[in-house]
Every structure is written in structure tokens, then in C-alpha cells.
Amino acid sequence: MIVTESAIDRLVELKLEDSEATADTFFRVFVQGGGCSGFQYGFTFDHEKNEDDFEVVSTEKMRVLVDSISMSYLQEATVDYKEDLMGASFVINNPTAQSSCGCGSSFSV
């Protein structure tokens, strides 16, 4: 999984804005059942690294984790942060997804 520089920069900003964030705060990307296409992407700040987590980004300011089950769906994915006239959001480009919904937050394999 790749996390773009734009996404990392925005994550650092969000972490600095979070009053509960500490130096040990991770950003977690995960996949869960649901959404209109079967699976949906999720994002959260987390304070625990589990034994089966992959650390896909490890910089001085930001560490990004993905659990082993989610990694099987996100292996070739790219997480990016986009800002345009329609707004700003994190976007996942997942070439292994067979289809996705119109908003891009859910997918099927």
C-alpha cells in the first residue's frame, strides 16, 4: 500500500489538531463489511499497534497502520488526499476492487 505525500501532510495536520493525539498516535486504514458495494474503507487515529499490523508509513511525524486482514484488500492501493472545488477528502485508488460505489467509499472484490 502506498500513502502519498499529500495524504501524509494532511494526516500530520489532523494529528496536530487532535487534542488526544500523542507521539504514539497512529493513523489506521482498514476495510470492513458494509457500504453499498459490500466493503467500505475506514480511517481512524489509534493508540495501539497490534501484533498483526503492517506499518506502511513510518516517519518522524506520522505512522500509518493496516491490519493483516485489511492489507489483503489494500495491498496494491494508494491513499491520497485531494482538494478541489467539490471539497477535500482522502481517496483510495484500489486496482484490486472489481467495482465501487459512486462516492468511492465502498467497493467489491
PDB file of N, CA and C in Angstrom:
ATOM      1  N   MET A   1       0.840  -1.174   0.000  1.00  0.00           N
ATOM      2  CA  MET A   1       0.000   0.000   0.000  1.00  0.00           C
ATOM      3  C   MET A   1       0.887   1.239   0.000  1.00  0.00           C
ATOM      4  N   ILE A   2       0.462   2.226  -0.749  1.00  0.00           N
ATOM      5  CA  ILE A   2       1.200   3.488  -0.842  1.00  0.00           C
ATOM      6  C   ILE A   2       0.351   4.596  -0.233  1.00  0.00           C
ATOM      7  N   VAL A   3       0.976   5.458   0.541  1.00  0.00           N
ATOM      8  CA  VAL A   3       0.332   6.655   1.069  1.00  0.00           C
ATOM      9  C   VAL A   3       1.097   7.835   0.494  1.00  0.00           C
ATOM     10  N   THR A   4       0.405   8.696  -0.257  1.00  0.00           N
ATOM     11  CA  THR A   4       1.079   9.804  -0.931  1.00  0.00           C
ATOM     12  C   THR A   4       1.550  10.864   0.065  1.00  0.00           C
ATOM     13  N   GLU A   5       2.457  11.676  -0.397  1.00  0.00           N
ATOM     14  CA  GLU A   5       2.981  12.779   0.419  1.00  0.00           C
ATOM     15  C   GLU A   5       1.862  13.749   0.813  1.00  0.00           C
ATOM     16  N   SER A   6       0.931  13.982  -0.107  1.00  0.00           N
ATOM     17  CA  SER A   6      -0.204  14.854   0.173  1.00  0.00           C
ATOM     18  C   SER A   6      -1.040  14.303   1.330  1.00  0.00           C
ATOM     19  N   ALA A   7      -1.286  12.990   1.332  1.00  0.00           N
ATOM     20  CA  ALA A   7      -2.051  12.366   2.417  1.00  0.00           C
ATOM     21  C   ALA A   7      -1.287  12.441   3.735  1.00  0.00           C
ATOM     22  N   ILE A   8       0.007  12.185   3.693  1.00  0.00           N
ATOM     23  CA  ILE A   8       0.806  12.252   4.922  1.00  0.00           C
ATOM     24  C   ILE A   8       0.801  13.664   5.489  1.00  0.00           C
ATOM     25  N   ASP A   9       0.969  14.662   4.634  1.00  0.00           N
ATOM     26  CA  ASP A   9       0.957  16.058   5.098  1.00  0.00           C
ATOM     27  C   ASP A   9      -0.367  16.389   5.791  1.00  0.00           C
ATOM     28  N   ARG A  10      -1.484  15.958   5.204  1.00  0.00           N
ATOM     29  CA  ARG A  10      -2.794  16.246   5.806  1.00  0.00           C
ATOM     30  C   ARG A  10      -2.979  15.470   7.110  1.00  0.00           C
ATOM     31  N   LEU A  11      -2.494  14.241   7.170  1.00  0.00           N
ATOM     32  CA  LEU A  11      -2.583  13.456   8.399  1.00  0.00           C
ATOM     33  C   LEU A  11      -1.814  14.115   9.535  1.00  0.00           C
ATOM     34  N   VAL A  12      -0.650  14.647   9.216  1.00  0.00           N
ATOM     35  CA  VAL A  12       0.142  15.352  10.232  1.00  0.00           C
ATOM     36  C   VAL A  12      -0.638  16.557  10.753  1.00  0.00           C
ATOM     37  N   GLU A  13      -1.276  17.300   9.849  1.00  0.00           N
ATOM     38  CA  GLU A  13      -2.092  18.450  10.260  1.00  0.00           C
ATOM     39  C   GLU A  13      -3.236  18.011  11.173  1.00  0.00           C
ATOM     40  N   LEU A  14      -3.929  16.939  10.802  1.00  0.00           N
ATOM     41  CA  LEU A  14      -5.044  16.450  11.612  1.00  0.00           C
ATOM     42  C   LEU A  14      -4.577  15.963  12.977  1.00  0.00           C
ATOM     43  N   LYS A  15      -3.432  15.318  12.992  1.00  0.00           N
ATOM     44  CA  LYS A  15      -2.890  14.826  14.264  1.00  0.00           C
ATOM     45  C   LYS A  15      -2.551  15.995  15.183  1.00  0.00           C
ATOM     46  N   LEU A  16      -1.995  17.063  14.631  1.00  0.00           N
ATOM     47  CA  LEU A  16      -1.658  18.233  15.437  1.00  0.00           C
ATOM     48  C   LEU A  16      -2.908  18.920  15.981  1.00  0.00           C
ATOM     49  N   GLU A  17      -4.022  18.826  15.244  1.00  0.00           N
ATOM     50  CA  GLU A  17      -5.285  19.434  15.671  1.00  0.00           C
ATOM     51  C   GLU A  17      -6.014  18.593  16.715  1.00  0.00           C
ATOM     52  N   ASP A  18      -5.658  17.317  16.835  1.00  0.00           N
ATOM     53  CA  ASP A  18      -6.344  16.394  17.744  1.00  0.00           C
ATOM     54  C   ASP A  18      -5.769  16.535  19.149  1.00  0.00           C
ATOM     55  N   SER A  19      -6.597  16.971  20.076  1.00  0.00           N
ATOM     56  CA  SER A  19      -6.128  17.205  21.443  1.00  0.00           C
ATOM     57  C   SER A  19      -5.741  15.916  22.164  1.00  0.00           C
ATOM     58  N   GLU A  20      -6.224  14.775  21.691  1.00  0.00           N
ATOM     59  CA  GLU A  20      -5.904  13.495  22.329  1.00  0.00           C
ATOM     60  C   GLU A  20      -4.704  12.801  21.684  1.00  0.00           C
ATOM     61  N   ALA A  21      -4.175  13.351  20.614  1.00  0.00           N
ATOM     62  CA  ALA A  21      -3.054  12.730  19.910  1.00  0.00           C
ATOM     63  C   ALA A  21      -1.761  12.907  20.696  1.00  0.00           C
ATOM     64  N   THR A  22      -0.950  11.870  20.669  1.00  0.00           N
ATOM     65  CA  THR A  22       0.366  11.889  21.307  1.00  0.00           C
ATOM     66  C   THR A  22       1.397  11.429  20.281  1.00  0.00           C
ATOM     67  N   ALA A  23       2.635  11.377  20.689  1.00  0.00           N
ATOM     68  CA  ALA A  23       3.689  10.894  19.795  1.00  0.00           C
ATOM     69  C   ALA A  23       3.441   9.446  19.386  1.00  0.00           C
ATOM     70  N   ASP A  24       2.706   8.689  20.220  1.00  0.00           N
ATOM     71  CA  ASP A  24       2.415   7.283  19.939  1.00  0.00           C
ATOM     72  C   ASP A  24       1.104   7.074  19.180  1.00  0.00           C
ATOM     73  N   THR A  25       0.525   8.127  18.654  1.00  0.00           N
ATOM     74  CA  THR A  25      -0.725   8.003  17.907  1.00  0.00           C
ATOM     75  C   THR A  25      -0.437   7.579  16.473  1.00  0.00           C
ATOM     76  N   PHE A  26      -1.140   6.537  16.040  1.00  0.00           N
ATOM     77  CA  PHE A  26      -1.030   6.013  14.676  1.00  0.00           C
ATOM     78  C   PHE A  26      -2.266   6.421  13.889  1.00  0.00           C
ATOM     79  N   PHE A  27      -2.148   6.408  12.582  1.00  0.00           N
ATOM     80  CA  PHE A  27      -3.317   6.538  11.719  1.00  0.00           C
ATOM     81  C   PHE A  27      -3.574   5.156  11.155  1.00  0.00           C
ATOM     82  N   ARG A  28      -4.791   4.662  11.310  1.00  0.00           N
ATOM     83  CA  ARG A  28      -5.138   3.315  10.869  1.00  0.00           C
ATOM     84  C   ARG A  28      -6.078   3.381   9.664  1.00  0.00           C
ATOM     85  N   VAL A  29      -5.746   2.611   8.626  1.00  0.00           N
ATOM     86  CA  VAL A  29      -6.594   2.441   7.453  1.00  0.00           C
ATOM     87  C   VAL A  29      -7.104   1.004   7.521  1.00  0.00           C
ATOM     88  N   PHE A  30      -8.418   0.820   7.327  1.00  0.00           N
ATOM     89  CA  PHE A  30      -8.961  -0.529   7.432  1.00  0.00           C
ATOM     90  C   PHE A  30     -10.116  -0.731   6.462  1.00  0.00           C
ATOM     91  N   VAL A  31     -10.480  -1.989   6.296  1.00  0.00           N
ATOM     92  CA  VAL A  31     -11.611  -2.394   5.468  1.00  0.00           C
ATOM     93  C   VAL A  31     -12.591  -3.118   6.372  1.00  0.00           C
ATOM     94  N   GLN A  32     -13.881  -2.809   6.203  1.00  0.00           N
ATOM     95  CA  GLN A  32     -14.905  -3.515   6.971  1.00  0.00           C
ATOM     96  C   GLN A  32     -16.091  -3.821   6.067  1.00  0.00           C
ATOM     97  N   GLY A  33     -16.880  -4.786   6.460  1.00  0.00           N
ATOM     98  CA  GLY A  33     -18.071  -5.116   5.700  1.00  0.00           C
ATOM     99  C   GLY A  33     -19.075  -3.979   5.772  1.00  0.00           C
ATOM    100  N   GLY A  34     -19.819  -3.797   4.682  1.00  0.00           N
ATOM    101  CA  GLY A  34     -20.837  -2.757   4.652  1.00  0.00           C
ATOM    102  C   GLY A  34     -20.718  -1.896   3.420  1.00  0.00           C
ATOM    103  N   GLY A  35     -21.450  -0.815   3.406  1.00  0.00           N
ATOM    104  CA  GLY A  35     -21.433   0.059   2.236  1.00  0.00           C
ATOM    105  C   GLY A  35     -22.285  -0.529   1.132  1.00  0.00           C
ATOM    106  N   CYS A  36     -22.550   0.231   0.137  1.00  0.00           N
ATOM    107  CA  CYS A  36     -23.456  -0.217  -0.923  1.00  0.00           C
ATOM    108  C   CYS A  36     -22.813  -1.239  -1.857  1.00  0.00           C
ATOM    109  N   SER A  37     -21.492  -1.410  -1.802  1.00  0.00           N
ATOM    110  CA  SER A  37     -20.823  -2.357  -2.697  1.00  0.00           C
ATOM    111  C   SER A  37     -20.281  -3.589  -1.977  1.00  0.00           C
ATOM    112  N   GLY A  38     -20.460  -3.689  -0.662  1.00  0.00           N
ATOM    113  CA  GLY A  38     -20.028  -4.890   0.057  1.00  0.00           C
ATOM    114  C   GLY A  38     -18.969  -4.642   1.107  1.00  0.00           C
ATOM    115  N   PHE A  39     -17.961  -3.847   0.789  1.00  0.00           N
ATOM    116  CA  PHE A  39     -16.913  -3.484   1.739  1.00  0.00           C
ATOM    117  C   PHE A  39     -16.782  -1.974   1.750  1.00  0.00           C
ATOM    118  N   GLN A  40     -16.313  -1.437   2.863  1.00  0.00           N
ATOM    119  CA  GLN A  40     -16.062   0.000   2.889  1.00  0.00           C
ATOM    120  C   GLN A  40     -14.742   0.285   3.589  1.00  0.00           C
ATOM    121  N   TYR A  41     -14.145   1.393   3.201  1.00  0.00           N
ATOM    122  CA  TYR A  41     -12.882   1.833   3.776  1.00  0.00           C
ATOM    123  C   TYR A  41     -13.159   2.586   5.073  1.00  0.00           C
ATOM    124  N   GLY A  42     -12.225   2.498   5.992  1.00  0.00           N
ATOM    125  CA  GLY A  42     -12.340   3.246   7.238  1.00  0.00           C
ATOM    126  C   GLY A  42     -11.003   3.846   7.615  1.00  0.00           C
ATOM    127  N   PHE A  43     -11.053   4.935   8.356  1.00  0.00           N
ATOM    128  CA  PHE A  43      -9.861   5.637   8.821  1.00  0.00           C
ATOM    129  C   PHE A  43     -10.079   6.026  10.282  1.00  0.00           C
ATOM    130  N   THR A  44      -9.052   5.927  11.088  1.00  0.00           N
ATOM    131  CA  THR A  44      -9.155   6.377  12.470  1.00  0.00           C
ATOM    132  C   THR A  44      -7.756   6.595  13.041  1.00  0.00           C
ATOM    133  N   PHE A  45      -7.670   7.434  14.041  1.00  0.00           N
ATOM    134  CA  PHE A  45      -6.439   7.523  14.814  1.00  0.00           C
ATOM    135  C   PHE A  45      -6.503   6.447  15.881  1.00  0.00           C
ATOM    136  N   ASP A  46      -5.380   5.852  16.187  1.00  0.00           N
ATOM    137  CA  ASP A  46      -5.322   4.739  17.125  1.00  0.00           C
ATOM    138  C   ASP A  46      -4.089   4.899  18.004  1.00  0.00           C
ATOM    139  N   HIS A  47      -4.161   4.366  19.203  1.00  0.00           N
ATOM    140  CA  HIS A  47      -3.029   4.452  20.129  1.00  0.00           C
ATOM    141  C   HIS A  47      -2.370   3.093  20.371  1.00  0.00           C
ATOM    142  N   GLU A  48      -2.888   2.048  19.703  1.00  0.00           N
ATOM    143  CA  GLU A  48      -2.337   0.713  19.891  1.00  0.00           C
ATOM    144  C   GLU A  48      -1.939   0.093  18.568  1.00  0.00           C
ATOM    145  N   LYS A  49      -0.764  -0.499  18.565  1.00  0.00           N
ATOM    146  CA  LYS A  49      -0.304  -1.259  17.401  1.00  0.00           C
ATOM    147  C   LYS A  49      -0.442  -2.728  17.751  1.00  0.00           C
ATOM    148  N   ASN A  50      -1.214  -3.456  16.930  1.00  0.00           N
ATOM    149  CA  ASN A  50      -1.444  -4.872  17.178  1.00  0.00           C
ATOM    150  C   ASN A  50      -0.349  -5.718  16.543  1.00  0.00           C
ATOM    151  N   GLU A  51      -0.260  -6.941  17.005  1.00  0.00           N
ATOM    152  CA  GLU A  51       0.774  -7.852  16.538  1.00  0.00           C
ATOM    153  C   GLU A  51       0.701  -8.110  15.033  1.00  0.00           C
ATOM    154  N   ASP A  52      -0.524  -8.112  14.473  1.00  0.00           N
ATOM    155  CA  ASP A  52      -0.686  -8.423  13.052  1.00  0.00           C
ATOM    156  C   ASP A  52      -0.735  -7.180  12.161  1.00  0.00           C
ATOM    157  N   ASP A  53      -0.423  -6.016  12.699  1.00  0.00           N
ATOM    158  CA  ASP A  53      -0.455  -4.775  11.921  1.00  0.00           C
ATOM    159  C   ASP A  53       0.771  -4.636  11.026  1.00  0.00           C
ATOM    160  N   PHE A  54       0.531  -4.077   9.845  1.00  0.00           N
ATOM    161  CA  PHE A  54       1.603  -3.671   8.951  1.00  0.00           C
ATOM    162  C   PHE A  54       1.784  -2.174   9.130  1.00  0.00           C
ATOM    163  N   GLU A  55       3.014  -1.735   9.277  1.00  0.00           N
ATOM    164  CA  GLU A  55       3.304  -0.310   9.357  1.00  0.00           C
ATOM    165  C   GLU A  55       3.737   0.123   7.960  1.00  0.00           C
ATOM    166  N   VAL A  56       2.808   0.750   7.219  1.00  0.00           N
ATOM    167  CA  VAL A  56       3.060   1.080   5.819  1.00  0.00           C
ATOM    168  C   VAL A  56       3.736   2.428   5.641  1.00  0.00           C
ATOM    169  N   VAL A  57       3.664   3.275   6.648  1.00  0.00           N
ATOM    170  CA  VAL A  57       4.378   4.551   6.657  1.00  0.00           C
ATOM    171  C   VAL A  57       4.972   4.716   8.038  1.00  0.00           C
ATOM    172  N   SER A  58       6.230   5.090   8.076  1.00  0.00           N
ATOM    173  CA  SER A  58       6.868   5.343   9.355  1.00  0.00           C
ATOM    174  C   SER A  58       7.816   6.524   9.188  1.00  0.00           C
ATOM    175  N   THR A  59       7.313   7.709   9.539  1.00  0.00           N
ATOM    176  CA  THR A  59       8.148   8.898   9.502  1.00  0.00           C
ATOM    177  C   THR A  59       8.217   9.447  10.911  1.00  0.00           C
ATOM    178  N   GLU A  60       9.002  10.460  11.103  1.00  0.00           N
ATOM    179  CA  GLU A  60       9.138  11.080  12.413  1.00  0.00           C
ATOM    180  C   GLU A  60       7.797  11.631  12.910  1.00  0.00           C
ATOM    181  N   LYS A  61       6.967  12.116  11.985  1.00  0.00           N
ATOM    182  CA  LYS A  61       5.719  12.770  12.374  1.00  0.00           C
ATOM    183  C   LYS A  61       4.474  11.899  12.207  1.00  0.00           C
ATOM    184  N   MET A  62       4.533  10.846  11.415  1.00  0.00           N
ATOM    185  CA  MET A  62       3.331  10.059  11.155  1.00  0.00           C
ATOM    186  C   MET A  62       3.668   8.598  10.915  1.00  0.00           C
ATOM    187  N   ARG A  63       2.844   7.716  11.504  1.00  0.00           N
ATOM    188  CA  ARG A  63       2.938   6.280  11.263  1.00  0.00           C
ATOM    189  C   ARG A  63       1.552   5.794  10.862  1.00  0.00           C
ATOM    190  N   VAL A  64       1.490   5.022   9.781  1.00  0.00           N
ATOM    191  CA  VAL A  64       0.223   4.520   9.255  1.00  0.00           C
ATOM    192  C   VAL A  64       0.216   3.001   9.368  1.00  0.00           C
ATOM    193  N   LEU A  65      -0.879   2.475   9.938  1.00  0.00           N
ATOM    194  CA  LEU A  65      -1.030   1.042  10.156  1.00  0.00           C
ATOM    195  C   LEU A  65      -2.180   0.470   9.336  1.00  0.00           C
ATOM    196  N   VAL A  66      -2.037  -0.803   8.970  1.00  0.00           N
ATOM    197  CA  VAL A  66      -3.101  -1.567   8.325  1.00  0.00           C
ATOM    198  C   VAL A  66      -3.062  -2.960   8.939  1.00  0.00           C
ATOM    199  N   ASP A  67      -4.226  -3.457   9.397  1.00  0.00           N
ATOM    200  CA  ASP A  67      -4.255  -4.809   9.957  1.00  0.00           C
ATOM    201  C   ASP A  67      -4.106  -5.838   8.834  1.00  0.00           C
ATOM    202  N   SER A  68      -3.761  -7.063   9.197  1.00  0.00           N
ATOM    203  CA  SER A  68      -3.442  -8.077   8.188  1.00  0.00           C
ATOM    204  C   SER A  68      -4.629  -8.436   7.300  1.00  0.00           C
ATOM    205  N   ILE A  69      -5.830  -8.467   7.839  1.00  0.00           N
ATOM    206  CA  ILE A  69      -6.998  -8.787   7.004  1.00  0.00           C
ATOM    207  C   ILE A  69      -7.249  -7.664   6.005  1.00  0.00           C
ATOM    208  N   SER A  70      -7.221  -6.420   6.464  1.00  0.00           N
ATOM    209  CA  SER A  70      -7.425  -5.281   5.558  1.00  0.00           C
ATOM    210  C   SER A  70      -6.322  -5.202   4.514  1.00  0.00           C
ATOM    211  N   MET A  71      -5.108  -5.566   4.896  1.00  0.00           N
ATOM    212  CA  MET A  71      -3.989  -5.495   3.949  1.00  0.00           C
ATOM    213  C   MET A  71      -4.221  -6.408   2.751  1.00  0.00           C
ATOM    214  N   SER A  72      -4.931  -7.513   2.956  1.00  0.00           N
ATOM    215  CA  SER A  72      -5.193  -8.397   1.818  1.00  0.00           C
ATOM    216  C   SER A  72      -6.057  -7.702   0.764  1.00  0.00           C
ATOM    217  N   TYR A  73      -6.859  -6.706   1.163  1.00  0.00           N
ATOM    218  CA  TYR A  73      -7.675  -5.937   0.222  1.00  0.00           C
ATOM    219  C   TYR A  73      -6.972  -4.662  -0.261  1.00  0.00           C
ATOM    220  N   LEU A  74      -5.983  -4.191   0.498  1.00  0.00           N
ATOM    221  CA  LEU A  74      -5.366  -2.891   0.222  1.00  0.00           C
ATOM    222  C   LEU A  74      -3.932  -2.969  -0.282  1.00  0.00           C
ATOM    223  N   GLN A  75      -3.437  -4.166  -0.513  1.00  0.00           N
ATOM    224  CA  GLN A  75      -2.047  -4.364  -0.884  1.00  0.00           C
ATOM    225  C   GLN A  75      -1.561  -3.451  -1.996  1.00  0.00           C
ATOM    226  N   GLU A  76      -2.341  -3.295  -3.045  1.00  0.00           N
ATOM    227  CA  GLU A  76      -1.917  -2.509  -4.203  1.00  0.00           C
ATOM    228  C   GLU A  76      -2.573  -1.128  -4.235  1.00  0.00           C
ATOM    229  N   ALA A  77      -3.238  -0.751  -3.159  1.00  0.00           N
ATOM    230  CA  ALA A  77      -3.984   0.511  -3.116  1.00  0.00           C
ATOM    231  C   ALA A  77      -3.065   1.704  -2.839  1.00  0.00           C
ATOM    232  N   THR A  78      -3.556   2.871  -3.235  1.00  0.00           N
ATOM    233  CA  THR A  78      -2.886   4.139  -2.953  1.00  0.00           C
ATOM    234  C   THR A  78      -3.861   5.034  -2.194  1.00  0.00           C
ATOM    235  N   VAL A  79      -3.413   5.567  -1.064  1.00  0.00           N
ATOM    236  CA  VAL A  79      -4.211   6.520  -0.294  1.00  0.00           C
ATOM    237  C   VAL A  79      -3.686   7.910  -0.626  1.00  0.00           C
ATOM    238  N   ASP A  80      -4.580   8.789  -1.042  1.00  0.00           N
ATOM    239  CA  ASP A  80      -4.203  10.144  -1.418  1.00  0.00           C
ATOM    240  C   ASP A  80      -5.152  11.123  -0.735  1.00  0.00           C
ATOM    241  N   TYR A  81      -4.757  12.379  -0.703  1.00  0.00           N
ATOM    242  CA  TYR A  81      -5.620  13.439  -0.189  1.00  0.00           C
ATOM    243  C   TYR A  81      -5.806  14.444  -1.312  1.00  0.00           C
ATOM    244  N   LYS A  82      -7.058  14.710  -1.655  1.00  0.00           N
ATOM    245  CA  LYS A  82      -7.388  15.606  -2.767  1.00  0.00           C
ATOM    246  C   LYS A  82      -8.193  16.790  -2.279  1.00  0.00           C
ATOM    247  N   GLU A  83      -7.881  17.959  -2.818  1.00  0.00           N
ATOM    248  CA  GLU A  83      -8.669  19.161  -2.581  1.00  0.00           C
ATOM    249  C   GLU A  83      -9.040  19.741  -3.939  1.00  0.00           C
ATOM    250  N   ASP A  84     -10.362  19.998  -4.142  1.00  0.00           N
ATOM    251  CA  ASP A  84     -10.810  20.610  -5.385  1.00  0.00           C
ATOM    252  C   ASP A  84     -12.071  21.423  -5.102  1.00  0.00           C
ATOM    253  N   LEU A  85     -12.725  21.860  -6.134  1.00  0.00           N
ATOM    254  CA  LEU A  85     -13.926  22.681  -5.968  1.00  0.00           C
ATOM    255  C   LEU A  85     -15.061  21.937  -5.261  1.00  0.00           C
ATOM    256  N   MET A  86     -15.054  20.630  -5.335  1.00  0.00           N
ATOM    257  CA  MET A  86     -16.105  19.820  -4.703  1.00  0.00           C
ATOM    258  C   MET A  86     -15.836  19.587  -3.226  1.00  0.00           C
ATOM    259  N   GLY A  87     -14.627  19.889  -2.753  1.00  0.00           N
ATOM    260  CA  GLY A  87     -14.283  19.681  -1.350  1.00  0.00           C
ATOM    261  C   GLY A  87     -12.934  19.009  -1.206  1.00  0.00           C
ATOM    262  N   ALA A  88     -12.695  18.508  -0.028  1.00  0.00           N
ATOM    263  CA  ALA A  88     -11.426  17.846   0.275  1.00  0.00           C
ATOM    264  C   ALA A  88     -11.717  16.498   0.937  1.00  0.00           C
ATOM    265  N   SER A  89     -10.926  15.474   0.578  1.00  0.00           N
ATOM    266  CA  SER A  89     -11.136  14.160   1.172  1.00  0.00           C
ATOM    267  C   SER A  89      -9.949  13.249   0.900  1.00  0.00           C
ATOM    268  N   PHE A  90      -9.883  12.205   1.707  1.00  0.00           N
ATOM    269  CA  PHE A  90      -8.936  11.137   1.441  1.00  0.00           C
ATOM    270  C   PHE A  90      -9.569  10.225   0.392  1.00  0.00           C
ATOM    271  N   VAL A  91      -8.760   9.795  -0.569  1.00  0.00           N
ATOM    272  CA  VAL A  91      -9.241   8.974  -1.673  1.00  0.00           C
ATOM    273  C   VAL A  91      -8.371   7.728  -1.746  1.00  0.00           C
ATOM    274  N   ILE A  92      -9.025   6.583  -1.912  1.00  0.00           N
ATOM    275  CA  ILE A  92      -8.282   5.334  -2.083  1.00  0.00           C
ATOM    276  C   ILE A  92      -8.471   4.852  -3.508  1.00  0.00           C
ATOM    277  N   ASN A  93      -7.367   4.688  -4.211  1.00  0.00           N
ATOM    278  CA  ASN A  93      -7.365   4.100  -5.543  1.00  0.00           C
ATOM    279  C   ASN A  93      -6.939   2.649  -5.362  1.00  0.00           C
ATOM    280  N   ASN A  94      -7.894   1.735  -5.572  1.00  0.00           N
ATOM    281  CA  ASN A  94      -7.650   0.325  -5.305  1.00  0.00           C
ATOM    282  C   ASN A  94      -7.833  -0.482  -6.590  1.00  0.00           C
ATOM    283  N   PRO A  95      -6.738  -0.830  -7.255  1.00  0.00           N
ATOM    284  CA  PRO A  95      -6.843  -1.558  -8.523  1.00  0.00           C
ATOM    285  C   PRO A  95      -7.385  -2.980  -8.373  1.00  0.00           C
ATOM    286  N   THR A  96      -7.405  -3.540  -7.165  1.00  0.00           N
ATOM    287  CA  THR A  96      -7.940  -4.891  -6.980  1.00  0.00           C
ATOM    288  C   THR A  96      -9.448  -4.907  -6.790  1.00  0.00           C
ATOM    289  N   ALA A  97     -10.066  -3.739  -6.607  1.00  0.00           N
ATOM    290  CA  ALA A  97     -11.523  -3.663  -6.461  1.00  0.00           C
ATOM    291  C   ALA A  97     -12.179  -3.931  -7.819  1.00  0.00           C
ATOM    292  N   GLN A  98     -13.170  -4.806  -7.824  1.00  0.00           N
ATOM    293  CA  GLN A  98     -13.892  -5.129  -9.058  1.00  0.00           C
ATOM    294  C   GLN A  98     -14.868  -4.018  -9.431  1.00  0.00           C
ATOM    295  N   SER A  99     -15.469  -3.399  -8.432  1.00  0.00           N
ATOM    296  CA  SER A  99     -16.393  -2.291  -8.655  1.00  0.00           C
ATOM    297  C   SER A  99     -16.429  -1.431  -7.395  1.00  0.00           C
ATOM    298  N   SER A 100     -16.915  -0.208  -7.535  1.00  0.00           N
ATOM    299  CA  SER A 100     -17.050   0.662  -6.375  1.00  0.00           C
ATOM    300  C   SER A 100     -18.295   1.512  -6.543  1.00  0.00           C
ATOM    301  N   CYS A 101     -18.716   2.104  -5.428  1.00  0.00           N
ATOM    302  CA  CYS A 101     -19.895   2.952  -5.491  1.00  0.00           C
ATOM    303  C   CYS A 101     -19.521   4.322  -6.051  1.00  0.00           C
ATOM    304  N   GLY A 102     -20.499   5.147  -6.307  1.00  0.00           N
ATOM    305  CA  GLY A 102     -20.266   6.454  -6.898  1.00  0.00           C
ATOM    306  C   GLY A 102     -19.419   7.375  -6.045  1.00  0.00           C
ATOM    307  N   CYS A 103     -19.545   7.275  -4.730  1.00  0.00           N
ATOM    308  CA  CYS A 103     -18.775   8.177  -3.860  1.00  0.00           C
ATOM    309  C   CYS A 103     -17.369   7.655  -3.587  1.00  0.00           C
ATOM    310  N   GLY A 104     -17.101   6.384  -3.927  1.00  0.00           N
ATOM    311  CA  GLY A 104     -15.762   5.821  -3.770  1.00  0.00           C
ATOM    312  C   GLY A 104     -15.441   5.325  -2.375  1.00  0.00           C
ATOM    313  N   SER A 105     -16.427   5.296  -1.457  1.00  0.00           N
ATOM    314  CA  SER A 105     -16.138   4.864  -0.098  1.00  0.00           C
ATOM    315  C   SER A 105     -16.399   3.375   0.104  1.00  0.00           C
ATOM    316  N   SER A 106     -17.023   2.702  -0.854  1.00  0.00           N
ATOM    317  CA  SER A 106     -17.204   1.258  -0.729  1.00  0.00           C
ATOM    318  C   SER A 106     -16.830   0.575  -2.046  1.00  0.00           C
ATOM    319  N   PHE A 107     -16.578  -0.728  -1.947  1.00  0.00           N
ATOM    320  CA  PHE A 107     -16.106  -1.475  -3.118  1.00  0.00           C
ATOM    321  C   PHE A 107     -16.448  -2.951  -2.972  1.00  0.00           C
ATOM    322  N   SER A 108     -16.299  -3.677  -4.056  1.00  0.00           N
ATOM    323  CA  SER A 108     -16.456  -5.134  -4.021  1.00  0.00           C
ATOM    324  C   SER A 108     -15.224  -5.759  -4.684  1.00  0.00           C
ATOM    325  N   VAL A 109     -14.971  -7.013  -4.326  1.00  0.00           N
ATOM    326  CA  VAL A 109     -13.830  -7.739  -4.892  1.00  0.00           C
ATOM    327  C   VAL A 109     -14.292  -8.976  -5.608  1.00  0.00           C
TER     328      VAL A 109
END
